[in-house]
Amino acid sequence: MALNLIDRNDLWKNKARYLQLRLRDRFRVAVDKHRRKRPIFSDSYFSFTLRLWLQRFRDFRQDLPSSTTFYRKRVGEDFNDGEESVILRMLQAVAVPVLGNVCHVFMHGLNRVQVYGLEKLHKAVLHRPKDQPLVTVSNHVASVDDPFVIAALLPPRVLFDAQNLRWTLCATDRCFSNPVTSAFFRTVKVLPVARGDGVYQKGMDMAISKLNHGGWVHIFPEGSRSRDGGKTMGSSKRGIGRLILDADTVPTVIPFVHTGMQEIMPIGAKIPKIGKTVTIIIGDPIEFEDLLNSESAHKVSRGKLYDAVSSRVGNRLLEMKVQVEKLAHDHALNMQNYSMSDMERAAMILQQIDWDSFGIGSFTSIDYNSPMKQETQTQPNLDVSSAEQPVSDWYFRMRLSREGGFISRMRGYMDPTEFMSFAARGLFRNYRTGSSSEFGEANRPLKAWKQFVEANVQRQWCY
């Protein structure tokens, strides 16, 4: 039995060997039992493979622009802009109105806001066509420029419409550094951008996607806050150029510049200040048709177009910065003059009072032509004994100035005891009726005070 099995195995081996020989002879193919491959580093194989991969790499580089080459990158409708979540929309519908109205009350209730050209922004926000995108640009002074300034420019009824309010951009290392801040800023319509990743990044694509759907995007062309508290303005970056040129429809661009936010939120402050004045000027829409429709626009590289758009935006903001600083300076002067006129009106009222009824013989005259120098009457002769003069004939000097108040100046020119006597005399002359019993009861404490004051005054005169 075992011999039969061995014979059968030998038979099959012989048949396989015979078939191998037939294939080698017929097709000239050497069949190796170990299926050995040709060596990779043979001259012919290596050179052919190297040439093939080099050609494929050249073709790939031609199809993909390099990082130094600017091109138009469209954002399609199927782009994932992170707005699919229903929960996120519900959170935005609650967080955006609450934050916006709180900032509106803070700016208009605890501070003073002066706005020039507000109708231009309202027209662009409320009355633009449905599919017309909007881009607002402004200088960046404090970390709370957005949302404080935006909320100060819009009425409360608009702040309740979270869907049509602005989207803005913020650096990932500042607003999206941890899960808590990331969740908060996403609920208040903030898009993340990475510093140093250029204009072709997902954050910019998300902003362009919002514009393609007719949304409103607010951006700071400088890219970062002013380092000197708003005294100077940095150059505009290319990001604003791509945001305007790569959108499907050229958006309406509204510029505005503000000053005073550096006082509400100074550099290094953690809590906003109150009682400050913010001046905002809103300019006319910036036009770009001459850049896009010119014959040379098709021949100019995309990078130069980005630079031209950003340069135009930066120049307009610089012009408006000069205007808003002049308006703020003029407003401060007007407020100072208004306070001066209030002091002059108060002085006129004091001059019209019958001071004789209070025991004062004369009053200081004020020279309005020289507000820094008040004309005062001289005191009586000091050689005359004060005890020999009636109280009604006493004179005192009183001077009004911008630095001090009425009471403080009277205290500066009158003895405290004399001042108390003067006040008591005015009170007792108004209540010197004596016939009514109720007045008599009411005047008992005052009479005691009068007697005490007059005794002290007489004692001073005797000295």
Protein backbone atom coordinates (compact mmCIF):
# COMPACT_ATOMS: atom_id res chain seq x y z
CA MET A 1 0.00 0.00 0.00
CA ALA A 2 2.77 2.38 0.90
CA LEU A 3 4.62 1.52 -2.29
CA ASN A 4 1.56 2.49 -4.34
CA LEU A 5 1.38 5.93 -2.70
CA ILE A 6 5.07 6.58 -3.37
CA ASP A 7 4.63 5.62 -6.98
CA ARG A 8 1.67 7.93 -7.36
CA ASN A 9 3.61 10.89 -5.85
CA ASP A 10 6.49 10.26 -8.15
CA LEU A 11 4.09 10.14 -11.04
CA TRP A 12 2.60 13.53 -10.22
CA LYS A 13 6.03 15.05 -9.70
CA ASN A 14 7.11 13.82 -13.09
CA LYS A 15 4.01 15.28 -14.72
CA ALA A 16 4.61 18.66 -13.08
CA ARG A 17 8.20 18.65 -14.15
CA TYR A 18 7.18 17.77 -17.67
CA LEU A 19 4.63 20.63 -17.76
CA GLN A 20 7.26 23.04 -16.50
CA LEU A 21 9.63 22.08 -19.23
CA ARG A 22 6.93 22.40 -21.85
CA LEU A 23 6.01 25.96 -20.69
CA ARG A 24 9.63 27.04 -20.65
CA ASP A 25 10.22 25.73 -24.11
CA ARG A 26 6.98 27.05 -25.59
CA PHE A 27 6.84 30.56 -24.05
CA ARG A 28 10.48 30.96 -23.13
CA VAL A 29 9.51 31.60 -19.52
CA ALA A 30 11.76 30.45 -16.72
CA VAL A 31 9.59 29.30 -13.89
CA ASP A 32 11.41 29.53 -10.63
CA LYS A 33 10.17 27.64 -7.65
CA HIS A 34 10.84 30.61 -5.30
CA ARG A 35 9.36 33.26 -7.70
CA ARG A 36 12.38 35.51 -7.52
CA LYS A 37 11.92 39.15 -8.80
CA ARG A 38 14.35 41.22 -10.71
CA PRO A 39 16.65 43.20 -8.46
CA ILE A 40 15.36 46.73 -7.79
CA PHE A 41 18.71 48.40 -8.04
CA SER A 42 19.55 47.07 -11.41
CA ASP A 43 20.51 49.79 -13.83
CA SER A 44 17.65 49.44 -16.26
CA TYR A 45 14.85 48.99 -13.69
CA PHE A 46 15.98 51.78 -11.36
CA SER A 47 16.39 54.33 -14.12
CA PHE A 48 12.98 53.57 -15.60
CA THR A 49 11.21 53.78 -12.20
CA LEU A 50 12.95 57.00 -11.27
CA ARG A 51 12.02 58.67 -14.54
CA LEU A 52 8.41 57.58 -14.11
CA TRP A 53 8.04 59.06 -10.59
CA LEU A 54 9.80 62.26 -11.54
CA GLN A 55 7.36 62.79 -14.38
CA ARG A 56 4.39 62.15 -12.13
CA PHE A 57 5.73 64.64 -9.56
CA ARG A 58 6.16 67.33 -12.26
CA ASP A 59 2.60 66.82 -13.42
CA PHE A 60 1.35 67.07 -9.84
CA ARG A 61 3.24 70.36 -9.24
CA GLN A 62 1.79 71.85 -12.41
CA ASP A 63 -1.76 71.02 -11.33
CA LEU A 64 -1.31 72.29 -7.73
CA PRO A 65 -0.28 75.97 -7.29
CA SER A 66 2.61 76.60 -4.96
CA SER A 67 2.31 78.50 -1.67
CA THR A 68 3.83 81.62 -3.23
CA THR A 69 1.33 81.69 -6.08
CA PHE A 70 -2.03 83.41 -5.56
CA TYR A 71 -5.06 82.13 -7.38
CA ARG A 72 -8.81 82.34 -7.10
CA LYS A 73 -10.21 79.64 -4.90
CA ARG A 74 -13.95 79.32 -5.13
CA VAL A 75 -16.04 77.95 -2.29
CA GLY A 76 -18.87 75.75 -3.50
CA GLU A 77 -22.30 75.30 -2.02
CA ASP A 78 -21.38 71.86 -0.74
CA PHE A 79 -18.63 73.32 1.47
CA ASN A 80 -18.95 72.25 5.09
CA ASP A 81 -19.11 75.56 6.96
CA GLY A 82 -20.00 74.05 10.33
CA GLU A 83 -23.59 75.32 10.41
CA GLU A 84 -25.43 72.04 9.94
CA SER A 85 -26.04 71.48 13.63
CA VAL A 86 -29.54 72.42 14.74
CA ILE A 87 -28.34 72.65 18.35
CA LEU A 88 -25.72 75.23 17.37
CA ARG A 89 -28.34 77.38 15.64
CA MET A 90 -30.58 77.23 18.69
CA LEU A 91 -27.71 78.29 20.94
CA GLN A 92 -26.86 81.16 18.60
CA ALA A 93 -30.48 82.31 18.62
CA VAL A 94 -30.24 82.72 22.40
CA ALA A 95 -26.62 83.79 23.00
CA VAL A 96 -26.29 86.42 20.27
CA PRO A 97 -29.34 88.55 21.29
CA VAL A 98 -28.45 88.36 24.98
CA LEU A 99 -24.82 89.37 24.45
CA GLY A 100 -25.74 92.05 21.91
CA ASN A 101 -28.32 93.77 24.11
CA VAL A 102 -26.07 93.65 27.17
CA CYS A 103 -23.32 95.36 25.16
CA HIS A 104 -25.84 97.88 23.79
CA VAL A 105 -26.97 98.84 27.30
CA PHE A 106 -23.38 99.05 28.49
CA MET A 107 -22.33 101.38 25.69
CA HIS A 108 -25.37 103.67 25.72
CA GLY A 109 -26.25 103.45 29.41
CA LEU A 110 -22.88 103.50 31.17
CA ASN A 111 -20.91 105.36 28.50
CA ARG A 112 -21.52 108.00 25.85
CA VAL A 113 -21.53 107.14 22.14
CA GLN A 114 -21.32 109.71 19.34
CA VAL A 115 -22.08 108.25 15.89
CA TYR A 116 -21.81 110.04 12.55
CA GLY A 117 -23.29 108.53 9.39
CA LEU A 118 -25.31 105.83 11.14
CA GLU A 119 -27.88 105.72 8.33
CA LYS A 120 -25.26 104.31 5.95
CA LEU A 121 -24.78 101.20 8.05
CA HIS A 122 -28.50 100.77 8.70
CA LYS A 123 -29.21 100.99 4.99
CA ALA A 124 -26.64 98.30 4.22
CA VAL A 125 -27.74 96.00 7.05
CA LEU A 126 -31.52 96.37 6.87
CA HIS A 127 -32.32 97.34 3.30
CA ARG A 128 -29.82 95.51 1.10
CA PRO A 129 -31.08 92.84 -1.35
CA LYS A 130 -31.58 89.36 0.03
CA ASP A 131 -28.64 87.73 -1.72
CA GLN A 132 -26.29 90.71 -1.49
CA PRO A 133 -23.37 89.97 0.88
CA LEU A 134 -22.07 92.61 3.27
CA VAL A 135 -18.56 93.15 4.64
CA THR A 136 -17.84 95.72 7.34
CA VAL A 137 -14.27 96.78 8.12
CA SER A 138 -12.96 98.83 11.03
CA ASN A 139 -9.87 99.61 13.03
CA HIS A 140 -8.95 97.34 15.93
CA VAL A 141 -8.14 99.14 19.20
CA ALA A 142 -9.37 96.97 22.09
CA SER A 143 -10.23 93.33 22.61
CA VAL A 144 -13.92 94.26 23.03
CA ASP A 145 -14.27 96.23 19.79
CA ASP A 146 -16.49 93.40 18.70
CA PRO A 147 -19.16 93.10 20.05
CA PHE A 148 -19.26 96.45 21.92
CA VAL A 149 -18.98 98.74 18.90
CA ILE A 150 -21.23 96.60 16.69
CA ALA A 151 -23.91 96.48 19.40
CA ALA A 152 -23.69 100.25 19.89
CA LEU A 153 -24.43 100.84 16.19
CA LEU A 154 -27.54 98.66 15.93
CA PRO A 155 -30.98 99.16 17.51
CA PRO A 156 -32.16 96.54 20.01
CA ARG A 157 -34.80 95.12 17.67
CA VAL A 158 -32.07 94.22 15.16
CA LEU A 159 -29.95 92.59 17.84
CA PHE A 160 -32.71 90.05 18.46
CA ASP A 161 -32.37 88.70 14.92
CA ALA A 162 -29.40 86.40 15.42
CA GLN A 163 -29.58 84.88 11.94
CA ASN A 164 -28.95 88.17 10.12
CA LEU A 165 -26.29 89.53 12.47
CA ARG A 166 -22.63 89.60 11.64
CA TRP A 167 -20.07 86.81 11.53
CA THR A 168 -16.57 87.73 12.60
CA LEU A 169 -13.11 86.16 12.61
CA CYS A 170 -10.88 85.46 15.58
CA ALA A 171 -7.48 83.80 15.97
CA THR A 172 -7.52 80.20 17.11
CA ASP A 173 -4.79 80.80 19.70
CA ARG A 174 -6.91 83.49 21.33
CA CYS A 175 -10.57 82.52 21.06
CA PHE A 176 -10.36 78.75 20.46
CA SER A 177 -7.57 77.75 22.83
CA ASN A 178 -9.70 75.33 24.88
CA PRO A 179 -13.08 73.56 24.53
CA VAL A 180 -14.93 76.03 26.77
CA THR A 181 -13.92 79.18 24.89
CA SER A 182 -14.35 77.38 21.58
CA ALA A 183 -17.95 76.47 22.42
CA PHE A 184 -18.71 80.01 23.60
CA PHE A 185 -17.31 81.82 20.57
CA ARG A 186 -19.01 79.44 18.16
CA THR A 187 -22.35 80.24 19.78
CA VAL A 188 -21.77 83.99 19.22
CA LYS A 189 -20.97 83.55 15.51
CA VAL A 190 -17.16 83.69 15.53
CA LEU A 191 -15.13 81.84 12.90
CA PRO A 192 -11.63 80.49 13.68
CA VAL A 193 -8.59 81.55 11.66
CA ALA A 194 -5.03 80.37 12.25
CA ARG A 195 -2.25 82.95 12.34
CA GLY A 196 0.40 82.33 9.73
CA ASP A 197 -1.62 79.89 7.60
CA GLY A 198 -2.18 82.42 4.84
CA VAL A 199 -5.35 83.38 3.02
CA TYR A 200 -6.14 79.85 1.79
CA GLN A 201 -7.32 78.25 4.99
CA LYS A 202 -10.59 76.82 6.23
CA GLY A 203 -11.50 79.86 8.31
CA MET A 204 -11.39 82.14 5.27
CA ASP A 205 -13.31 79.57 3.24
CA MET A 206 -16.00 79.54 5.92
CA ALA A 207 -16.27 83.34 5.82
CA ILE A 208 -16.58 83.32 2.02
CA SER A 209 -19.26 80.63 2.32
CA LYS A 210 -21.26 82.95 4.59
CA LEU A 211 -20.94 85.73 2.01
CA ASN A 212 -22.06 83.41 -0.79
CA HIS A 213 -25.28 82.85 1.17
CA GLY A 214 -25.91 86.60 1.49
CA GLY A 215 -24.51 86.94 5.01
CA TRP A 216 -22.72 89.70 6.85
CA VAL A 217 -19.04 89.31 7.84
CA HIS A 218 -17.14 91.81 9.95
CA ILE A 219 -13.34 91.78 9.74
CA PHE A 220 -10.44 93.81 11.10
CA PRO A 221 -8.12 94.34 8.10
CA GLU A 222 -5.13 94.97 10.38
CA GLY A 223 -5.29 91.39 11.57
CA SER A 224 -4.50 92.28 15.21
CA ARG A 225 -5.04 95.00 17.79
CA SER A 226 -3.14 98.26 17.85
CA ARG A 227 -0.08 98.07 20.09
CA ASP A 228 -0.14 101.74 21.08
CA GLY A 229 -3.77 102.17 22.14
CA GLY A 230 -5.13 103.25 18.77
CA LYS A 231 -2.67 106.06 18.08
CA THR A 232 -1.55 104.42 14.85
CA MET A 233 -3.17 101.98 12.45
CA GLY A 234 -1.43 98.99 10.91
CA SER A 235 -1.47 98.07 7.24
CA SER A 236 -4.32 95.98 5.86
CA LYS A 237 -3.59 92.33 5.18
CA ARG A 238 -4.37 90.31 2.05
CA GLY A 239 -7.15 88.44 3.80
CA ILE A 240 -9.62 91.27 3.18
CA GLY A 241 -8.66 91.18 -0.50
CA ARG A 242 -9.46 87.50 -0.82
CA LEU A 243 -12.68 87.90 1.17
CA ILE A 244 -13.94 90.49 -1.33
CA LEU A 245 -12.60 89.11 -4.61
CA ASP A 246 -13.18 85.37 -4.15
CA ALA A 247 -16.85 85.62 -3.20
CA ASP A 248 -19.37 84.66 -5.87
CA THR A 249 -20.85 88.18 -5.68
CA VAL A 250 -18.73 91.21 -4.87
CA PRO A 251 -19.98 92.26 -1.40
CA THR A 252 -20.92 95.72 -0.23
CA VAL A 253 -18.02 97.04 1.88
CA ILE A 254 -18.89 99.54 4.63
CA PRO A 255 -15.97 101.08 6.59
CA PHE A 256 -16.18 102.67 10.02
CA VAL A 257 -13.57 103.97 12.45
CA HIS A 258 -13.93 104.58 16.18
CA THR A 259 -11.92 106.20 18.93
CA GLY A 260 -12.39 106.03 22.69
CA MET A 261 -12.47 102.26 23.07
CA GLN A 262 -8.89 102.45 24.31
CA GLU A 263 -10.28 104.26 27.38
CA ILE A 264 -13.05 101.74 27.98
CA MET A 265 -10.65 98.80 27.70
CA PRO A 266 -7.05 99.99 28.16
CA ILE A 267 -4.11 97.74 27.41
CA GLY A 268 -3.81 95.15 30.15
CA ALA A 269 -7.24 95.83 31.69
CA LYS A 270 -9.50 92.90 32.58
CA ILE A 271 -12.76 94.80 33.26
CA PRO A 272 -14.23 97.50 30.95
CA LYS A 273 -14.40 101.05 32.29
CA ILE A 274 -17.52 103.22 32.43
CA GLY A 275 -18.20 106.91 31.99
CA LYS A 276 -16.16 107.21 28.78
CA THR A 277 -16.99 108.72 25.39
CA VAL A 278 -16.69 106.77 22.14
CA THR A 279 -16.84 108.53 18.78
CA ILE A 280 -17.67 106.52 15.64
CA ILE A 281 -17.78 107.67 12.04
CA ILE A 282 -19.27 105.50 9.28
CA GLY A 283 -18.11 106.07 5.72
CA ASP A 284 -19.59 105.52 2.28
CA PRO A 285 -19.34 102.08 0.66
CA ILE A 286 -15.96 101.35 -0.93
CA GLU A 287 -16.14 100.67 -4.66
CA PHE A 288 -13.94 98.15 -6.50
CA GLU A 289 -15.49 98.10 -9.99
CA ASP A 290 -12.56 99.97 -11.51
CA LEU A 291 -10.18 97.25 -10.31
CA LEU A 292 -12.29 94.33 -11.44
CA ASN A 293 -13.59 95.63 -14.76
CA SER A 294 -10.41 97.19 -16.11
CA GLU A 295 -8.72 95.64 -19.13
CA SER A 296 -5.48 95.15 -17.24
CA ALA A 297 -7.23 93.24 -14.42
CA HIS A 298 -7.15 90.02 -16.45
CA LYS A 299 -3.40 90.32 -16.92
CA VAL A 300 -2.54 91.23 -13.33
CA SER A 301 -1.71 88.41 -10.96
CA ARG A 302 -4.15 87.50 -8.23
CA GLY A 303 -1.74 88.54 -5.52
CA LYS A 304 -1.51 92.09 -6.89
CA LEU A 305 -5.30 92.32 -6.99
CA TYR A 306 -5.45 91.26 -3.36
CA ASP A 307 -2.88 93.93 -2.52
CA ALA A 308 -4.78 96.61 -4.46
CA VAL A 309 -8.03 95.85 -2.64
CA SER A 310 -6.43 95.75 0.81
CA SER A 311 -4.51 98.97 0.08
CA ARG A 312 -7.71 100.77 -0.90
CA VAL A 313 -9.45 99.62 2.27
CA GLY A 314 -6.49 100.65 4.43
CA ASN A 315 -6.26 104.11 2.86
CA ARG A 316 -9.96 104.73 3.43
CA LEU A 317 -9.67 103.74 7.08
CA LEU A 318 -6.67 106.04 7.55
CA GLU A 319 -8.61 108.98 6.09
CA MET A 320 -11.55 108.28 8.38
CA LYS A 321 -9.26 107.95 11.39
CA VAL A 322 -8.13 111.55 10.91
CA GLN A 323 -11.77 112.66 10.68
CA VAL A 324 -12.94 110.80 13.77
CA GLU A 325 -10.07 112.13 15.87
CA LYS A 326 -10.92 115.69 14.82
CA LEU A 327 -14.60 115.12 15.66
CA ALA A 328 -13.69 113.70 19.06
CA HIS A 329 -11.42 116.68 19.78
CA ASP A 330 -14.10 119.19 18.75
CA HIS A 331 -16.67 117.40 20.88
CA ALA A 332 -14.39 117.57 23.92
CA LEU A 333 -13.93 121.33 23.41
CA ASN A 334 -17.67 121.84 23.06
CA MET A 335 -18.31 119.99 26.29
CA GLN A 336 -15.71 122.12 28.05
CA ASN A 337 -17.26 125.33 26.72
CA TYR A 338 -20.69 124.09 27.75
CA SER A 339 -19.51 123.54 31.31
CA MET A 340 -18.00 127.05 31.30
CA SER A 341 -21.29 128.56 30.15
CA ASP A 342 -23.09 126.68 32.93
CA MET A 343 -20.75 128.27 35.46
CA GLU A 344 -21.38 131.71 34.00
CA ARG A 345 -25.14 131.22 34.13
CA ALA A 346 -24.85 130.13 37.76
CA ALA A 347 -22.85 133.27 38.52
CA MET A 348 -25.52 135.45 36.90
CA ILE A 349 -28.18 133.78 39.02
CA LEU A 350 -26.14 134.44 42.16
CA GLN A 351 -25.84 138.10 41.22
CA GLN A 352 -29.60 138.42 40.98
CA ILE A 353 -30.17 137.19 44.57
CA ASP A 354 -31.14 139.75 47.17
CA TRP A 355 -28.15 139.29 49.43
CA ASP A 356 -29.32 142.02 51.84
CA SER A 357 -32.06 139.70 53.04
CA PHE A 358 -29.34 137.27 54.10
CA GLY A 359 -27.37 139.89 55.98
CA ILE A 360 -24.80 140.65 53.24
CA GLY A 361 -24.39 144.23 52.10
CA SER A 362 -22.82 143.70 48.69
CA PHE A 363 -21.80 140.96 46.29
CA THR A 364 -18.85 140.27 44.11
CA SER A 365 -19.02 141.47 40.52
CA ILE A 366 -17.67 139.12 37.84
CA ASP A 367 -15.87 140.21 34.72
CA TYR A 368 -17.00 137.79 31.97
CA ASN A 369 -14.54 139.21 29.49
CA SER A 370 -11.73 137.86 31.64
CA PRO A 371 -13.02 134.65 33.19
CA MET A 372 -9.69 133.79 34.78
CA LYS A 373 -9.65 137.05 36.78
CA GLN A 374 -12.64 137.90 38.96
CA GLU A 375 -13.18 141.43 40.18
CA THR A 376 -13.66 141.49 43.92
CA GLN A 377 -14.50 144.25 46.29
CA THR A 378 -12.06 145.19 48.99
CA GLN A 379 -12.67 144.35 52.58
CA PRO A 380 -13.56 147.10 55.05
CA ASN A 381 -10.92 148.84 57.08
CA LEU A 382 -9.41 146.30 59.43
CA ASP A 383 -8.66 148.95 62.06
CA VAL A 384 -12.35 149.33 62.83
CA SER A 385 -13.49 146.98 65.51
CA SER A 386 -15.76 144.27 64.28
CA ALA A 387 -17.95 144.59 67.34
CA GLU A 388 -18.82 148.20 66.42
CA GLN A 389 -20.13 147.23 62.96
CA PRO A 390 -23.62 145.77 62.48
CA VAL A 391 -23.76 142.34 61.00
CA SER A 392 -25.72 143.59 57.97
CA ASP A 393 -22.84 145.91 57.04
CA TRP A 394 -20.27 143.15 56.92
CA TYR A 395 -18.55 142.52 53.64
CA PHE A 396 -16.85 139.42 52.43
CA ARG A 397 -14.95 138.44 49.38
CA MET A 398 -16.30 135.69 47.21
CA ARG A 399 -14.60 134.46 44.05
CA LEU A 400 -15.92 132.06 41.38
CA SER A 401 -13.60 130.01 39.25
CA ARG A 402 -13.62 126.91 37.05
CA GLU A 403 -11.58 124.85 39.47
CA GLY A 404 -13.67 125.22 42.63
CA GLY A 405 -17.30 125.21 43.62
CA PHE A 406 -19.37 127.96 45.24
CA ILE A 407 -19.31 126.52 48.74
CA SER A 408 -15.62 125.74 48.67
CA ARG A 409 -14.78 129.32 47.66
CA MET A 410 -16.99 130.77 50.39
CA ARG A 411 -15.22 128.60 52.96
CA GLY A 412 -11.91 129.87 51.63
CA TYR A 413 -12.80 133.51 52.24
CA MET A 414 -14.94 133.28 55.40
CA ASP A 415 -14.29 132.07 58.90
CA PRO A 416 -16.19 128.83 59.66
CA THR A 417 -17.97 130.41 62.63
CA GLU A 418 -18.91 133.40 60.51
CA PHE A 419 -20.18 131.09 57.80
CA MET A 420 -22.47 129.31 60.31
CA SER A 421 -23.77 132.66 61.50
CA PHE A 422 -24.53 133.68 57.91
CA ALA A 423 -26.54 130.50 57.33
CA ALA A 424 -28.43 130.87 60.58
CA ARG A 425 -29.41 134.47 59.84
CA GLY A 426 -30.93 133.47 56.50
CA LEU A 427 -32.97 130.73 58.13
CA PHE A 428 -34.26 132.83 61.02
CA ARG A 429 -35.29 135.77 58.86
CA ASN A 430 -37.56 133.50 56.80
CA TYR A 431 -39.18 132.11 59.97
CA ARG A 432 -39.42 135.33 61.94
CA THR A 433 -43.19 135.33 62.28
CA GLY A 434 -43.59 134.42 65.97
CA SER A 435 -47.36 134.79 65.94
CA SER A 436 -48.25 131.21 65.19
CA SER A 437 -47.79 128.63 67.87
CA GLU A 438 -46.66 125.96 65.42
CA PHE A 439 -43.98 128.25 64.06
CA GLY A 440 -42.89 128.94 67.60
CA GLU A 441 -42.58 125.26 68.28
CA ALA A 442 -40.69 124.73 65.05
CA ASN A 443 -38.27 127.56 65.77
CA ARG A 444 -37.25 126.50 69.26
CA PRO A 445 -34.22 124.42 68.12
CA LEU A 446 -33.27 127.08 65.61
CA LYS A 447 -33.43 129.84 68.22
CA ALA A 448 -31.18 127.86 70.48
CA TRP A 449 -28.71 127.42 67.64
CA LYS A 450 -28.93 131.16 66.86
CA GLN A 451 -28.15 132.08 70.42
CA PHE A 452 -25.19 129.70 70.46
CA VAL A 453 -23.79 131.03 67.20
CA GLU A 454 -24.26 134.70 68.12
CA ALA A 455 -22.58 134.10 71.45
CA ASN A 456 -19.59 132.55 69.72
CA VAL A 457 -19.46 135.36 67.20
CA GLN A 458 -19.65 138.03 69.90
CA ARG A 459 -16.89 136.24 71.79
CA GLN A 460 -14.76 136.28 68.64
CA TRP A 461 -15.42 139.98 68.11
CA CYS A 462 -14.39 140.76 71.64
CA TYR A 463 -11.08 139.01 71.06
